[in-house]
Amino acid sequence: MQARKKLDFWNSCALIILLLFGIFLVYPMFGLLKESVYVNGSFSMDAFSRFFHKSYYYSTIFNSFKIAFSVMVFSLLLGIPFSYFYTFYDLKGRKILFVLCLLSTMSAPFIGAYAWVLLLGNNGLLTNILKAMGISGISIYGFGGIVFVQTLKLFPLVVIYMNGAFRDIDSSLMEAAESMGCKGIQRFFRVLMTLTMPTILAAALLVFMRSFADFGTPLLIGRGCMTFPVLIYNEYLGENGADYHFAAAISVIAVLVTGIIFLIQKLATSKFKFTMSAMHPIQIKKPAGATSVLMHFFCYLVIAISMLPQVYIIYMSFRKYNNSILLPGYSMVNYEKALQKNLFRATGNTLVISFVTLAIIVVLAVFIAYLVVRKGNFISHLIDTISMMPYIMPGAVVGIALVIAFSKKPFCIAGTLLIMIIALAIRRLPFTSRSATATMMKISPSIEEAAISLGASKLAAFSKITVPMMSSGVISGAVLSWVSIITEMSSGVILYNNKTITLTLGTYVAINNGVYGVAAAFASVTTLLTVICLVIYLKFTKLEDVQM
């Protein structure tokens, strides 16, 4: 009877988690689907017909796909060599490189785009310098600008993933390849790339999805290049009147497109399934000669360009502005105006939302990981599958689905902090849950069995033995979740109001209103929060990779 009660605890956990997903994810998605095919109570496919009959609409899919694919390719081209140099060679200032690499990705892409407008916009600092040198025609706007900004923001994710993959390679495999005449570049492509292909594909998918779902960057600098998320936003909150029916239809198409891409990635990953244990870890070498110069030049140049927007935006927050007009001199007036523009409220909301959301994510991730690995039944695998759905959805889709579902009784929570917390918990859970699951798979059940044989209950063994052993994977995944939460915009822009505004959304509102100095102040405070997050992360863990 006692054993049955203990078993019932995990069954109850699984049913509660499944119920939560049913209420806050499955139900809203069915509501979204219903909104897309029903008009005034009658079934209609007119919205889908309208979408595919006008090139202006369906071309946004190709634009988003081209941008995401290009960003993915360039992020891999930058991230893989960077990680290789960092992992295999003792570069000067390795720790600084790692910290700056993390910091360059720990800010909202929208804020990075805004900074590049200040640098390479029509009247940007670098634009004017180049014009003075007789160089013209360089612009941050359009397809190329979006790819440039997103690549600099997302390539560090590839670095974080690849650091762990490269360190897991057994050095004896490298030595065996060299003994067979496979050296240098040939060994890099034929051995290293093959052994790390599952991680490369996982990192590529993450970058692709983040780029595809990005709303802020194309909105700010995508002149002449309309993307899918921006189209959804315009139809839902457009200046010419909202069209919820059409916006819902576009959202359904977005889910289908990203779902197909996800399945293709999963199929490709299944072709590279193998196990590998690093019994002989990679030995870090000292680079020498011209090779050393090139490695250091490449890594520090990429990091310098990536960090330039954040440094410049902090600098601009102390410049004098008259709304959008830059004046000579420096002052704290931007921060004074920001305080009048809900800076305290935005900071408080950001902290409350991020901490509460992260706490929910960590608890759910730990339970999901245990259920998936230790209780591999139908319900646990169903939970695992459903929890991954938001991983492939643009934030605007989740936002619209939640508004449709929870704008009327009995669940009228639209316009509250609660709905923003729910949206972020749903969207950012996969980062931590997959990381926790990967770590859980490495923990032998015999450790828990030993604790139980010594008199501990199953629940005590889980909480005092298993959870602490999972901590490294949970923390590494939670860092990615935290970064995504604190810089979230695509779902928040659908859900927020003046009472629930966050720092990132405060920056967006200030830019929309043409108050650029205040926008820089909001962005600088956001950067400060991400730096504090990074310091805490480095204080409590020595991890330099993420398990997924």
Protein backbone atom coordinates (compact mmCIF):
# COMPACT_ATOMS: atom_id res chain seq x y z
CA MET A 1 0.00 0.00 0.00
CA GLN A 2 2.85 2.42 0.94
CA ALA A 3 4.70 1.69 -2.32
CA ARG A 4 1.48 2.33 -4.23
CA LYS A 5 1.08 5.72 -2.53
CA LYS A 6 4.63 6.67 -3.49
CA LEU A 7 3.95 5.59 -7.04
CA ASP A 8 0.76 7.65 -7.04
CA PHE A 9 2.80 10.76 -6.16
CA TRP A 10 4.57 10.64 -9.54
CA ASN A 11 1.39 9.76 -11.41
CA SER A 12 -0.28 12.72 -9.71
CA CYS A 13 2.62 15.00 -10.68
CA ALA A 14 2.37 13.85 -14.28
CA LEU A 15 -1.39 14.47 -14.40
CA ILE A 16 -1.05 17.92 -12.79
CA ILE A 17 1.66 18.98 -15.26
CA LEU A 18 -0.40 17.59 -18.15
CA LEU A 19 -3.43 19.53 -16.89
CA LEU A 20 -1.40 22.76 -16.70
CA PHE A 21 -0.20 22.30 -20.28
CA GLY A 22 -3.75 21.52 -21.35
CA ILE A 23 -5.11 24.73 -19.83
CA PHE A 24 -2.31 27.14 -20.71
CA LEU A 25 -1.01 25.76 -24.02
CA VAL A 26 -3.28 23.23 -25.74
CA TYR A 27 -6.53 25.09 -24.99
CA PRO A 28 -5.19 28.47 -26.26
CA MET A 29 -3.82 26.82 -29.40
CA PHE A 30 -7.22 25.26 -30.15
CA GLY A 31 -8.75 28.69 -29.57
CA LEU A 32 -6.29 30.14 -32.07
CA LEU A 33 -7.18 27.46 -34.62
CA LYS A 34 -10.89 28.10 -34.09
CA GLU A 35 -10.40 31.86 -34.53
CA SER A 36 -8.59 31.22 -37.83
CA VAL A 37 -11.41 29.16 -39.42
CA TYR A 38 -14.57 30.69 -37.94
CA VAL A 39 -16.07 34.09 -38.81
CA ASN A 40 -19.24 35.14 -37.00
CA GLY A 41 -19.91 31.54 -36.04
CA SER A 42 -19.53 30.18 -39.58
CA PHE A 43 -16.71 27.98 -40.85
CA SER A 44 -14.54 29.81 -43.38
CA MET A 45 -11.12 29.35 -44.99
CA ASP A 46 -11.13 32.84 -46.48
CA ALA A 47 -8.22 34.02 -44.32
CA PHE A 48 -5.95 31.23 -45.60
CA SER A 49 -7.10 31.87 -49.17
CA ARG A 50 -6.37 35.58 -48.75
CA PHE A 51 -2.89 34.84 -47.42
CA PHE A 52 -1.85 32.57 -50.29
CA HIS A 53 -3.43 34.70 -53.02
CA LYS A 54 -1.37 37.82 -52.31
CA SER A 55 2.39 37.74 -52.74
CA TYR A 56 2.73 40.52 -50.15
CA TYR A 57 1.57 38.06 -47.49
CA TYR A 58 3.14 34.76 -48.46
CA SER A 59 6.43 36.42 -49.40
CA THR A 60 6.91 37.14 -45.68
CA ILE A 61 7.41 33.40 -45.13
CA PHE A 62 10.24 33.37 -47.66
CA ASN A 63 11.72 36.57 -46.20
CA SER A 64 11.71 35.11 -42.69
CA PHE A 65 13.09 31.81 -43.96
CA LYS A 66 15.88 33.50 -45.94
CA ILE A 67 16.83 35.66 -42.98
CA ALA A 68 16.75 32.76 -40.50
CA PHE A 69 18.71 30.45 -42.80
CA SER A 70 21.33 33.13 -43.51
CA VAL A 71 21.67 33.95 -39.81
CA MET A 72 22.00 30.24 -39.03
CA VAL A 73 24.76 29.77 -41.61
CA PHE A 74 26.73 32.86 -40.57
CA SER A 75 26.30 32.03 -36.87
CA LEU A 76 27.76 28.57 -37.49
CA LEU A 77 30.60 30.05 -39.55
CA LEU A 78 31.49 32.39 -36.70
CA GLY A 79 30.56 30.21 -33.71
CA ILE A 80 32.23 26.90 -34.65
CA PRO A 81 35.73 28.33 -35.34
CA PHE A 82 35.44 30.58 -32.28
CA SER A 83 34.56 27.60 -30.06
CA TYR A 84 37.28 25.46 -31.66
CA PHE A 85 39.99 28.05 -30.97
CA TYR A 86 38.64 28.62 -27.45
CA THR A 87 38.41 24.91 -26.56
CA PHE A 88 41.57 23.53 -28.15
CA TYR A 89 44.00 26.42 -27.63
CA ASP A 90 45.17 28.44 -24.64
CA LEU A 91 44.23 31.88 -25.93
CA LYS A 92 45.24 34.94 -23.94
CA GLY A 93 42.31 36.18 -21.88
CA ARG A 94 40.24 33.01 -22.42
CA LYS A 95 37.95 33.80 -19.49
CA ILE A 96 37.41 37.35 -20.72
CA LEU A 97 36.49 36.00 -24.15
CA PHE A 98 33.95 33.64 -22.61
CA VAL A 99 32.40 36.34 -20.40
CA LEU A 100 32.14 38.83 -23.28
CA CYS A 101 30.75 36.12 -25.54
CA LEU A 102 27.98 35.43 -23.02
CA LEU A 103 27.37 39.12 -22.44
CA SER A 104 27.03 39.85 -26.15
CA THR A 105 24.07 37.47 -26.39
CA MET A 106 22.49 38.49 -23.08
CA SER A 107 20.57 41.50 -24.36
CA ALA A 108 17.44 41.86 -26.43
CA PRO A 109 18.05 41.65 -30.21
CA PHE A 110 15.77 44.67 -30.51
CA ILE A 111 18.13 46.75 -28.35
CA GLY A 112 21.10 45.63 -30.44
CA ALA A 113 19.23 46.69 -33.57
CA TYR A 114 18.48 50.08 -32.02
CA ALA A 115 22.18 50.54 -31.17
CA TRP A 116 23.20 49.70 -34.74
CA VAL A 117 20.72 52.32 -36.00
CA LEU A 118 22.59 54.85 -33.85
CA LEU A 119 25.84 53.61 -35.38
CA LEU A 120 24.96 52.84 -39.00
CA GLY A 121 21.58 54.52 -39.50
CA ASN A 122 21.03 57.38 -41.92
CA ASN A 123 22.65 59.78 -39.46
CA GLY A 124 24.63 57.26 -37.42
CA LEU A 125 28.09 57.79 -35.96
CA LEU A 126 29.87 55.30 -38.25
CA THR A 127 27.76 56.39 -41.23
CA ASN A 128 28.96 59.98 -40.85
CA ILE A 129 32.57 58.86 -40.37
CA LEU A 130 32.39 56.76 -43.53
CA LYS A 131 30.80 59.64 -45.45
CA ALA A 132 33.65 61.91 -44.35
CA MET A 133 36.05 59.30 -45.79
CA GLY A 134 34.14 59.30 -49.08
CA ILE A 135 32.45 55.95 -48.48
CA SER A 136 28.68 55.90 -48.98
CA GLY A 137 25.92 53.38 -49.63
CA ILE A 138 26.45 51.37 -46.42
CA SER A 139 23.18 50.97 -44.53
CA ILE A 140 21.95 48.92 -41.58
CA TYR A 141 18.44 48.74 -43.02
CA GLY A 142 16.93 45.87 -45.00
CA PHE A 143 17.78 42.18 -45.40
CA GLY A 144 21.54 42.53 -44.95
CA GLY A 145 21.18 44.64 -41.82
CA ILE A 146 18.80 42.16 -40.18
CA VAL A 147 21.15 39.24 -40.92
CA PHE A 148 24.16 41.21 -39.62
CA VAL A 149 22.50 42.24 -36.34
CA GLN A 150 20.94 38.84 -35.62
CA THR A 151 24.16 36.96 -36.42
CA LEU A 152 26.17 39.03 -33.94
CA LYS A 153 23.48 38.41 -31.34
CA LEU A 154 23.01 34.65 -31.89
CA PHE A 155 26.43 33.21 -32.78
CA PRO A 156 27.39 33.01 -29.05
CA LEU A 157 24.65 30.38 -28.64
CA VAL A 158 26.58 28.21 -31.12
CA VAL A 159 29.76 28.83 -29.10
CA ILE A 160 28.08 27.77 -25.83
CA TYR A 161 26.76 24.56 -27.39
CA MET A 162 29.97 23.69 -29.22
CA ASN A 163 32.20 24.22 -26.17
CA GLY A 164 30.60 21.21 -24.51
CA ALA A 165 30.60 19.14 -27.70
CA PHE A 166 34.30 19.71 -28.37
CA ARG A 167 35.25 18.92 -24.76
CA ASP A 168 33.37 15.60 -24.96
CA ILE A 169 35.58 14.37 -27.81
CA ASP A 170 38.09 11.70 -26.81
CA SER A 171 41.61 12.80 -27.75
CA SER A 172 42.47 9.20 -28.73
CA LEU A 173 40.10 9.56 -31.70
CA MET A 174 42.05 12.61 -32.83
CA GLU A 175 45.34 10.76 -32.43
CA ALA A 176 44.00 7.77 -34.37
CA ALA A 177 42.92 10.03 -37.23
CA GLU A 178 46.34 11.69 -37.28
CA SER A 179 48.12 8.33 -37.34
CA MET A 180 46.12 7.50 -40.48
CA GLY A 181 47.28 10.67 -42.19
CA CYS A 182 44.16 12.75 -41.48
CA LYS A 183 45.54 16.06 -40.20
CA GLY A 184 44.81 19.77 -40.07
CA ILE A 185 41.77 21.03 -41.96
CA GLN A 186 40.97 17.55 -43.23
CA ARG A 187 40.77 16.19 -39.66
CA PHE A 188 38.65 19.16 -38.59
CA PHE A 189 35.98 18.51 -41.23
CA ARG A 190 36.08 14.70 -41.44
CA VAL A 191 36.45 13.92 -37.71
CA LEU A 192 35.50 16.88 -35.53
CA MET A 193 32.51 18.01 -37.58
CA THR A 194 31.16 14.45 -37.83
CA LEU A 195 31.54 13.76 -34.11
CA THR A 196 29.83 17.02 -33.13
CA MET A 197 27.12 16.98 -35.81
CA PRO A 198 24.21 16.34 -33.37
CA THR A 199 25.24 19.42 -31.38
CA ILE A 200 25.74 21.47 -34.56
CA LEU A 201 22.22 20.58 -35.70
CA ALA A 202 20.75 21.41 -32.27
CA ALA A 203 22.55 24.78 -32.19
CA ALA A 204 21.54 25.48 -35.80
CA LEU A 205 17.88 24.81 -34.97
CA LEU A 206 17.99 27.09 -31.92
CA VAL A 207 19.54 29.93 -33.94
CA PHE A 208 17.12 29.39 -36.82
CA MET A 209 14.07 29.44 -34.55
CA ARG A 210 15.27 32.47 -32.57
CA SER A 211 15.91 34.35 -35.82
CA PHE A 212 12.66 33.24 -37.44
CA ALA A 213 10.64 34.36 -34.39
CA ASP A 214 12.49 37.66 -33.87
CA PHE A 215 10.06 40.55 -34.03
CA GLY A 216 12.00 43.58 -32.81
CA THR A 217 14.96 43.60 -35.22
CA PRO A 218 12.95 43.38 -38.48
CA LEU A 219 10.44 45.89 -37.11
CA LEU A 220 13.16 48.45 -36.47
CA ILE A 221 15.52 47.97 -39.42
CA GLY A 222 13.63 45.78 -41.89
CA ARG A 223 12.72 48.50 -44.35
CA GLY A 224 11.49 46.83 -47.53
CA CYS A 225 11.81 43.38 -45.95
CA MET A 226 8.58 42.41 -44.19
CA THR A 227 8.89 39.29 -42.03
CA PHE A 228 6.36 36.79 -40.70
CA PRO A 229 6.31 37.92 -37.02
CA VAL A 230 6.00 41.60 -38.03
CA LEU A 231 3.10 40.75 -40.36
CA ILE A 232 1.32 38.91 -37.52
CA TYR A 233 1.82 41.92 -35.24
CA ASN A 234 0.60 44.39 -37.87
CA GLU A 235 -2.56 42.38 -38.53
CA TYR A 236 -3.28 41.94 -34.85
CA LEU A 237 -2.46 45.49 -33.66
CA GLY A 238 -2.29 47.33 -36.96
CA GLU A 239 -2.75 51.09 -37.36
CA ASN A 240 -5.50 50.42 -39.92
CA GLY A 241 -7.54 48.30 -37.53
CA ALA A 242 -7.03 44.86 -36.02
CA ASP A 243 -7.97 41.74 -37.98
CA TYR A 244 -7.92 38.97 -35.36
CA HIS A 245 -9.28 36.37 -37.76
CA PHE A 246 -6.51 36.93 -40.30
CA ALA A 247 -3.84 37.27 -37.61
CA ALA A 248 -4.92 33.91 -36.16
CA ALA A 249 -4.74 32.27 -39.60
CA ILE A 250 -1.22 33.61 -40.16
CA SER A 251 -0.27 32.34 -36.69
CA VAL A 252 -1.50 28.83 -37.57
CA ILE A 253 0.59 28.93 -40.76
CA ALA A 254 3.60 30.02 -38.68
CA VAL A 255 3.19 27.02 -36.36
CA LEU A 256 2.95 24.64 -39.34
CA VAL A 257 6.03 26.09 -41.06
CA THR A 258 8.20 26.00 -37.93
CA GLY A 259 6.87 22.54 -37.08
CA ILE A 260 8.00 21.20 -40.46
CA ILE A 261 11.45 22.74 -39.95
CA PHE A 262 11.66 21.16 -36.50
CA LEU A 263 10.77 17.72 -37.87
CA ILE A 264 13.41 18.06 -40.61
CA GLN A 265 16.02 18.89 -37.97
CA LYS A 266 14.95 15.90 -35.84
CA LEU A 267 15.20 13.61 -38.89
CA ALA A 268 18.67 14.94 -39.70
CA THR A 269 19.80 14.49 -36.09
CA SER A 270 18.63 10.86 -36.06
CA LYS A 271 21.18 10.11 -38.80
CA PHE A 272 24.03 10.96 -36.40
CA LYS A 273 23.13 8.94 -33.31
CA PHE A 274 26.10 7.49 -31.45
CA THR A 275 27.58 7.44 -27.95
CA MET A 276 30.95 8.85 -27.03
CA SER A 277 32.82 9.01 -23.73
CA ALA A 278 35.80 11.32 -23.31
CA MET A 279 38.09 8.94 -21.38
CA HIS A 280 41.04 11.01 -22.63
CA PRO A 281 40.01 14.70 -22.56
CA ILE A 282 41.31 17.14 -25.13
CA GLN A 283 44.60 18.73 -24.09
CA ILE A 284 44.66 22.50 -24.55
CA LYS A 285 47.62 23.61 -26.67
CA LYS A 286 49.60 26.81 -26.80
CA PRO A 287 49.16 28.49 -30.20
CA ALA A 288 52.30 29.78 -31.84
CA GLY A 289 53.45 31.99 -34.70
CA ALA A 290 51.08 33.30 -37.35
CA THR A 291 48.41 30.79 -36.27
CA SER A 292 48.30 32.37 -32.82
CA VAL A 293 47.98 35.87 -34.29
CA LEU A 294 45.13 34.84 -36.58
CA MET A 295 43.24 33.03 -33.80
CA HIS A 296 43.48 35.96 -31.40
CA PHE A 297 42.63 38.47 -34.13
CA PHE A 298 39.54 36.49 -35.21
CA CYS A 299 38.16 35.92 -31.70
CA TYR A 300 38.74 39.41 -30.35
CA LEU A 301 37.53 41.13 -33.53
CA VAL A 302 34.25 39.20 -33.50
CA ILE A 303 33.72 39.93 -29.80
CA ALA A 304 34.62 43.62 -30.22
CA ILE A 305 32.06 44.07 -33.00
CA SER A 306 29.45 42.14 -31.00
CA MET A 307 29.98 44.26 -27.88
CA LEU A 308 30.15 47.60 -29.73
CA PRO A 309 26.35 48.21 -29.70
CA GLN A 310 26.03 47.63 -25.96
CA VAL A 311 28.96 49.88 -25.11
CA TYR A 312 27.72 52.62 -27.45
CA ILE A 313 24.14 52.54 -26.18
CA ILE A 314 25.36 53.01 -22.59
CA TYR A 315 27.47 55.94 -23.80
CA MET A 316 24.47 57.46 -25.60
CA SER A 317 22.33 57.19 -22.47
CA PHE A 318 24.49 59.95 -20.94
CA ARG A 319 24.29 62.27 -23.97
CA LYS A 320 21.96 65.24 -24.08
CA TYR A 321 18.86 64.90 -26.24
CA ASN A 322 15.97 67.10 -27.21
CA ASN A 323 13.58 64.24 -27.95
CA SER A 324 15.18 62.73 -31.08
CA ILE A 325 17.75 65.53 -31.62
CA LEU A 326 21.23 64.92 -30.21
CA LEU A 327 22.75 67.92 -28.41
CA PRO A 328 26.33 68.61 -27.32
CA GLY A 329 27.35 67.61 -23.80
CA TYR A 330 26.52 64.99 -21.21
CA SER A 331 23.99 64.72 -18.39
CA MET A 332 21.74 62.39 -16.38
CA VAL A 333 18.61 63.92 -17.91
CA ASN A 334 17.78 60.75 -19.88
CA TYR A 335 17.59 58.74 -16.67
CA GLU A 336 15.53 61.49 -15.01
CA LYS A 337 13.07 61.38 -17.90
CA ALA A 338 13.10 57.56 -17.84
CA LEU A 339 12.07 57.67 -14.18
CA GLN A 340 9.10 59.76 -15.24
CA LYS A 341 8.38 57.21 -18.00
CA ASN A 342 7.83 54.19 -15.73
CA LEU A 343 11.48 53.11 -15.36
CA PHE A 344 10.90 51.99 -11.76
CA ARG A 345 7.72 50.14 -12.70
CA ALA A 346 9.38 48.54 -15.74
CA THR A 347 12.38 47.43 -13.66
CA GLY A 348 10.13 46.04 -10.92
CA ASN A 349 7.92 44.23 -13.44
CA THR A 350 10.97 42.80 -15.19
CA LEU A 351 12.39 41.46 -11.92
CA VAL A 352 9.07 40.06 -10.70
CA ILE A 353 8.24 38.44 -14.04
CA SER A 354 11.72 37.00 -14.54
CA PHE A 355 12.15 35.58 -11.01
CA VAL A 356 8.65 34.11 -10.74
CA THR A 357 8.83 32.70 -14.28
CA LEU A 358 12.27 31.20 -13.71
CA ALA A 359 11.15 29.59 -10.44
CA ILE A 360 8.18 27.99 -12.23
CA ILE A 361 10.41 26.84 -15.09
CA VAL A 362 13.02 25.27 -12.79
CA VAL A 363 10.41 23.34 -10.77
CA LEU A 364 8.60 22.09 -13.88
CA ALA A 365 11.87 21.24 -15.64
CA VAL A 366 13.10 19.11 -12.73
CA PHE A 367 9.85 17.15 -12.52
CA ILE A 368 9.55 16.76 -16.30
CA ALA A 369 13.15 15.53 -16.58
CA TYR A 370 12.60 12.93 -13.85
CA LEU A 371 9.29 11.76 -15.32
CA VAL A 372 10.73 11.44 -18.84
CA VAL A 373 13.88 9.55 -17.81
CA ARG A 374 12.69 7.47 -14.83
CA LYS A 375 9.00 7.03 -15.61
CA GLY A 376 9.09 6.53 -19.36
CA ASN A 377 5.39 5.91 -19.89
CA PHE A 378 2.90 7.39 -22.36
CA ILE A 379 1.91 10.35 -20.18
CA SER A 380 5.50 11.41 -19.48
CA HIS A 381 6.44 11.24 -23.16
CA LEU A 382 3.27 13.19 -24.02
CA ILE A 383 4.32 15.87 -21.51
CA ASP A 384 7.80 15.98 -23.03
CA THR A 385 6.35 16.42 -26.54
CA ILE A 386 3.83 19.11 -25.54
CA SER A 387 6.44 21.04 -23.54
CA MET A 388 8.60 21.30 -26.67
CA MET A 389 5.82 22.84 -28.80
CA PRO A 390 6.56 26.47 -27.78
CA TYR A 391 10.20 25.90 -28.78
CA ILE A 392 9.12 26.14 -32.42
CA MET A 393 6.48 28.88 -32.09
CA PRO A 394 7.04 32.61 -32.70
CA GLY A 395 6.32 34.60 -29.54
CA ALA A 396 3.55 36.60 -31.22
CA VAL A 397 1.67 33.35 -31.88
CA VAL A 398 1.76 32.38 -28.20
CA GLY A 399 0.75 35.91 -27.22
CA ILE A 400 -2.26 36.00 -29.56
CA ALA A 401 -3.37 32.50 -28.50
CA LEU A 402 -3.31 33.50 -24.82
CA VAL A 403 -5.21 36.73 -25.46
CA ILE A 404 -7.92 34.85 -27.37
CA ALA A 405 -8.19 32.20 -24.63
CA PHE A 406 -8.03 34.38 -21.53
CA SER A 407 -9.74 37.65 -22.46
CA LYS A 408 -13.16 36.46 -21.32
CA LYS A 409 -14.66 34.80 -18.28
CA PRO A 410 -13.99 32.56 -16.42
CA PHE A 411 -10.27 33.07 -17.17
CA CYS A 412 -10.10 36.82 -17.68
CA ILE A 413 -6.41 37.48 -16.97
CA ALA A 414 -5.45 39.48 -20.08
CA GLY A 415 -3.55 42.66 -19.23
CA THR A 416 -2.07 41.23 -16.01
CA LEU A 417 1.42 40.20 -14.98
CA LEU A 418 0.08 36.65 -14.63
CA ILE A 419 -0.58 36.23 -18.35
CA MET A 420 2.93 37.51 -19.16
CA ILE A 421 4.42 35.05 -16.66
CA ILE A 422 2.40 32.21 -18.20
CA ALA A 423 3.51 33.17 -21.72
CA LEU A 424 7.18 33.30 -20.75
CA ALA A 425 7.05 30.10 -18.70
CA ILE A 426 5.50 28.28 -21.66
CA ARG A 427 7.96 29.70 -24.20
CA ARG A 428 11.19 29.38 -22.21
CA LEU A 429 10.61 26.08 -20.40
CA PRO A 430 12.19 23.94 -23.20
CA PHE A 431 15.66 25.44 -22.61
CA THR A 432 15.77 24.25 -19.00
CA SER A 433 13.73 21.05 -19.39
CA ARG A 434 15.90 19.70 -22.22
CA SER A 435 19.08 20.60 -20.34
CA ALA A 436 17.78 18.95 -17.15
CA THR A 437 16.68 15.86 -19.11
CA ALA A 438 20.12 15.50 -20.72
CA THR A 439 21.76 15.67 -17.29
CA MET A 440 19.21 13.28 -15.76
CA MET A 441 20.07 10.67 -18.38
CA LYS A 442 23.65 10.62 -17.06
CA ILE A 443 22.59 9.87 -13.47
CA SER A 444 22.56 6.15 -12.73
CA PRO A 445 19.37 4.81 -11.07
CA SER A 446 21.63 2.75 -8.79
CA ILE A 447 22.50 5.93 -6.85
CA GLU A 448 18.87 6.45 -5.89
CA GLU A 449 18.47 2.72 -5.18
CA ALA A 450 21.44 2.86 -2.81
CA ALA A 451 19.86 5.76 -0.88
CA ILE A 452 16.54 3.89 -0.67
CA SER A 453 18.28 0.72 0.55
CA LEU A 454 19.78 2.80 3.38
CA GLY A 455 16.30 3.80 4.55
CA ALA A 456 15.51 6.95 2.55
CA SER A 457 12.09 7.27 0.95
CA LYS A 458 11.85 7.61 -2.83
CA LEU A 459 10.81 11.23 -2.46
CA ALA A 460 13.72 11.93 -0.10
CA ALA A 461 16.15 10.23 -2.50
CA PHE A 462 14.79 12.38 -5.30
CA SER A 463 14.98 15.68 -3.41
CA LYS A 464 18.27 15.11 -1.55
CA ILE A 465 20.22 12.99 -4.04
CA THR A 466 18.87 13.32 -7.58
CA VAL A 467 17.98 17.02 -7.65
CA PRO A 468 21.42 18.18 -6.41
CA MET A 469 23.09 15.93 -9.02
CA MET A 470 20.89 17.51 -11.72
CA SER A 471 21.84 21.03 -10.64
CA SER A 472 24.53 21.62 -13.26
CA GLY A 473 22.16 20.85 -16.14
CA VAL A 474 19.30 22.78 -14.55
CA ILE A 475 21.50 25.86 -13.95
CA SER A 476 22.98 25.84 -17.45
CA GLY A 477 19.52 25.59 -19.01
CA ALA A 478 18.08 28.14 -16.59
CA VAL A 479 20.68 30.68 -17.74
CA LEU A 480 19.37 30.46 -21.32
CA SER A 481 15.81 30.67 -20.00
CA TRP A 482 16.67 33.72 -17.88
CA VAL A 483 18.34 35.53 -20.77
CA SER A 484 15.33 34.85 -22.97
CA ILE A 485 12.90 35.98 -20.26
CA ILE A 486 14.62 39.24 -19.37
CA THR A 487 14.98 40.26 -23.03
CA GLU A 488 11.58 38.98 -24.23
CA MET A 489 9.64 41.17 -26.61
CA SER A 490 7.77 39.23 -29.31
CA SER A 491 5.05 37.83 -27.01
CA GLY A 492 5.23 40.71 -24.54
CA VAL A 493 4.40 43.31 -27.18
CA ILE A 494 1.05 41.54 -27.67
CA LEU A 495 0.31 41.15 -23.96
CA TYR A 496 1.63 44.24 -22.18
CA ASN A 497 -0.06 47.44 -21.06
CA ASN A 498 1.12 50.48 -19.11
CA LYS A 499 0.87 48.58 -15.80
CA THR A 500 2.76 45.48 -16.99
CA ILE A 501 5.47 47.19 -19.05
CA THR A 502 9.00 45.73 -18.84
CA LEU A 503 12.41 47.22 -19.56
CA THR A 504 12.63 45.83 -23.08
CA LEU A 505 9.11 47.00 -23.88
CA GLY A 506 9.92 50.37 -22.30
CA THR A 507 12.79 50.71 -24.76
CA TYR A 508 10.44 49.81 -27.62
CA VAL A 509 7.84 52.38 -26.54
CA ALA A 510 10.47 55.14 -26.15
CA ILE A 511 11.86 54.47 -29.64
CA ASN A 512 8.34 54.48 -31.10
CA ASN A 513 7.76 57.86 -29.45
CA GLY A 514 11.06 59.22 -30.80
CA VAL A 515 12.52 59.75 -27.31
CA TYR A 516 15.88 58.17 -28.09
CA GLY A 517 17.73 59.29 -24.98
CA VAL A 518 15.10 57.68 -22.75
CA ALA A 519 15.26 54.54 -24.90
CA ALA A 520 19.04 54.41 -24.34
CA ALA A 521 18.47 54.74 -20.58
CA PHE A 522 15.97 51.85 -20.55
CA ALA A 523 18.33 49.74 -22.67
CA SER A 524 21.29 50.51 -20.38
CA VAL A 525 19.36 49.41 -17.28
CA THR A 526 18.43 46.20 -19.12
CA THR A 527 22.12 45.62 -19.90
CA LEU A 528 22.98 46.20 -16.22
CA LEU A 529 20.49 43.53 -15.17
CA THR A 530 21.96 41.04 -17.65
CA VAL A 531 25.47 41.77 -16.33
CA ILE A 532 24.29 41.08 -12.78
CA CYS A 533 22.73 37.84 -14.01
CA LEU A 534 26.02 36.86 -15.64
CA VAL A 535 28.02 37.62 -12.48
CA ILE A 536 25.68 35.43 -10.42
CA TYR A 537 25.93 32.66 -13.01
CA LEU A 538 29.74 32.70 -13.00
CA LYS A 539 29.75 32.89 -9.19
CA PHE A 540 27.77 29.68 -8.71
CA THR A 541 28.88 27.57 -11.67
CA LYS A 542 31.98 26.99 -13.76
CA LEU A 543 29.98 25.70 -16.71
CA GLU A 544 30.93 26.92 -20.17
CA ASP A 545 28.40 24.93 -22.17
CA VAL A 546 24.76 23.91 -22.17
CA GLN A 547 23.46 20.34 -22.18
CA MET A 548 20.53 19.91 -24.59
